[in-house]
């Protein structure tokens, strides 16, 4: 005769295995065009607020992208002053579109950050079951 605790543990284990199987075997849709863009906006007044000493979290210190899924970074400067991202000067109202074609870590100068730096991590497309499990786990 089975104990109720053993039955619950077996059921939980079966559900866990089913979830892992789905995470590893279910396909990940690749995207096209604008669906691949990850948009970040620098709001109006960012520069003035930073100069007044306000601690702002406008943009994340680290942006994570995945090839074939979200691999185009789009920055939009809604501020009244120019902003620098990497070697690019974005005037007020301008957008900067940066597609990535190689998985790597990139470091950029960024005047919207107090540290003056932003890191972009681009992951390879998760082609294997284990890579899909890890990709889905990072998104939780």
Protein backbone atom coordinates (compact mmCIF):
# COMPACT_ATOMS: atom_id res chain seq x y z
CA UNK A 1 0.00 0.00 0.00
CA UNK A 2 1.32 3.39 -0.99
CA UNK A 3 1.56 6.22 1.47
CA UNK A 4 -0.11 9.52 0.52
CA UNK A 5 3.24 11.34 0.83
CA UNK A 6 4.93 8.95 -1.59
CA UNK A 7 2.10 9.41 -4.11
CA UNK A 8 2.39 13.20 -3.87
CA UNK A 9 6.18 13.06 -4.33
CA UNK A 10 5.85 10.78 -7.36
CA UNK A 11 3.23 13.08 -8.89
CA UNK A 12 5.44 16.15 -8.29
CA UNK A 13 8.40 14.35 -9.84
CA UNK A 14 6.34 13.40 -12.90
CA UNK A 15 5.14 16.97 -13.32
CA UNK A 16 8.72 18.25 -12.97
CA UNK A 17 9.96 15.85 -15.64
CA UNK A 18 7.08 16.85 -17.95
CA UNK A 19 7.90 20.56 -17.50
CA UNK A 20 11.59 19.96 -18.24
CA UNK A 21 10.69 17.90 -21.32
CA UNK A 22 8.43 20.68 -22.60
CA UNK A 23 11.07 23.37 -21.87
CA UNK A 24 13.70 21.40 -23.75
CA UNK A 25 11.68 20.11 -26.68
CA UNK A 26 9.10 22.82 -27.43
CA UNK A 27 10.28 24.99 -30.32
CA UNK A 28 11.07 28.66 -29.86
CA UNK A 29 9.64 30.83 -32.59
CA UNK A 30 12.11 32.97 -34.44
CA UNK A 31 10.86 36.45 -35.20
CA UNK A 32 11.12 38.78 -38.14
CA UNK A 33 11.24 42.54 -38.59
CA UNK A 34 10.07 44.77 -35.74
CA UNK A 35 9.20 41.73 -33.60
CA UNK A 36 12.94 41.27 -33.05
CA UNK A 37 13.41 44.78 -31.64
CA UNK A 38 13.90 45.54 -27.96
CA UNK A 39 12.96 49.22 -27.40
CA UNK A 40 14.29 51.41 -24.59
CA UNK A 41 13.40 55.09 -24.27
CA UNK A 42 15.32 57.89 -22.56
CA UNK A 43 12.50 60.02 -21.13
CA UNK A 44 12.22 63.78 -21.33
CA UNK A 45 14.04 65.49 -18.46
CA UNK A 46 16.57 62.69 -17.88
CA UNK A 47 19.65 64.90 -18.20
CA UNK A 48 18.25 67.67 -15.96
CA UNK A 49 17.21 65.15 -13.29
CA UNK A 50 20.64 63.50 -13.33
CA UNK A 51 22.38 66.89 -13.08
CA UNK A 52 20.23 67.76 -10.04
CA UNK A 53 21.62 64.64 -8.34
CA UNK A 54 18.59 62.39 -8.68
CA UNK A 55 19.43 58.69 -8.83
CA UNK A 56 17.68 57.46 -11.96
CA UNK A 57 17.07 53.95 -13.20
CA UNK A 58 16.06 55.00 -16.72
CA UNK A 59 17.81 52.20 -18.60
CA UNK A 60 18.96 48.90 -17.14
CA UNK A 61 22.70 48.53 -16.54
CA UNK A 62 22.52 45.31 -18.53
CA UNK A 63 20.36 44.45 -21.52
CA UNK A 64 19.98 40.80 -22.57
CA UNK A 65 19.13 39.87 -26.14
CA UNK A 66 18.91 36.54 -27.99
CA UNK A 67 19.87 35.99 -31.62
CA UNK A 68 16.86 35.24 -33.81
CA UNK A 69 14.37 36.21 -31.11
CA UNK A 70 15.14 39.70 -29.78
CA UNK A 71 18.45 40.76 -31.30
CA UNK A 72 17.91 44.40 -32.33
CA UNK A 73 18.42 47.09 -29.70
CA UNK A 74 16.47 50.30 -30.29
CA UNK A 75 17.16 53.37 -28.18
CA UNK A 76 14.93 56.42 -28.47
CA UNK A 77 16.04 59.78 -27.06
CA UNK A 78 12.97 61.66 -25.82
CA UNK A 79 15.13 64.01 -23.72
CA UNK A 80 15.76 67.68 -24.57
CA UNK A 81 19.53 67.18 -24.83
CA UNK A 82 21.70 64.90 -26.99
CA UNK A 83 22.64 61.53 -25.51
CA UNK A 84 25.63 59.36 -26.37
CA UNK A 85 25.39 55.61 -26.80
CA UNK A 86 28.66 53.99 -27.86
CA UNK A 87 30.08 56.04 -30.72
CA UNK A 88 26.65 57.46 -31.63
CA UNK A 89 25.32 60.89 -30.71
CA UNK A 90 21.53 60.77 -30.54
CA UNK A 91 19.90 64.16 -30.88
CA UNK A 92 16.58 64.89 -29.12
CA UNK A 93 13.82 62.89 -30.80
CA UNK A 94 16.23 60.55 -32.60
CA UNK A 95 16.28 56.77 -32.41
CA UNK A 96 19.27 54.48 -32.76
CA UNK A 97 18.80 50.93 -34.05
CA UNK A 98 21.59 48.44 -33.41
CA UNK A 99 21.19 44.89 -34.77
CA UNK A 100 23.43 42.18 -33.32
CA UNK A 101 24.64 39.24 -35.38
CA UNK A 102 27.05 37.57 -32.98
CA UNK A 103 26.56 36.23 -29.47
CA UNK A 104 28.89 38.10 -27.11
CA UNK A 105 29.06 40.66 -24.31
CA UNK A 106 29.30 44.27 -25.46
CA UNK A 107 30.20 47.31 -23.36
CA UNK A 108 28.98 50.74 -24.46
CA UNK A 109 29.43 54.28 -23.19
CA UNK A 110 26.01 55.67 -22.29
CA UNK A 111 25.30 59.16 -20.99
CA UNK A 112 21.86 58.11 -19.72
CA UNK A 113 23.58 56.10 -16.97
CA UNK A 114 25.19 57.55 -13.87
CA UNK A 115 28.08 55.11 -14.38
CA UNK A 116 28.38 56.18 -18.03
CA UNK A 117 28.34 52.52 -19.14
CA UNK A 118 25.83 49.94 -20.32
CA UNK A 119 26.43 46.28 -21.03
CA UNK A 120 24.56 44.34 -23.72
CA UNK A 121 24.69 40.55 -23.52
CA UNK A 122 23.65 38.75 -26.69
CA UNK A 123 22.97 35.04 -26.31
CA UNK A 124 23.14 32.49 -29.11
CA UNK A 125 19.85 31.13 -30.43
CA UNK A 126 18.88 28.23 -28.10
CA UNK A 127 19.10 25.40 -30.63
CA UNK A 128 19.56 22.40 -28.29
CA UNK A 129 17.11 21.13 -25.66
CA UNK A 130 19.42 22.09 -22.79
CA UNK A 131 19.94 25.58 -24.28
CA UNK A 132 16.14 26.01 -24.55
CA UNK A 133 15.71 25.02 -20.89
CA UNK A 134 18.38 27.53 -19.82
CA UNK A 135 16.93 30.27 -22.06
CA UNK A 136 13.44 29.79 -20.64
CA UNK A 137 14.82 29.71 -17.07
CA UNK A 138 16.59 33.09 -17.61
CA UNK A 139 13.28 34.61 -18.66
CA UNK A 140 11.52 33.72 -15.38
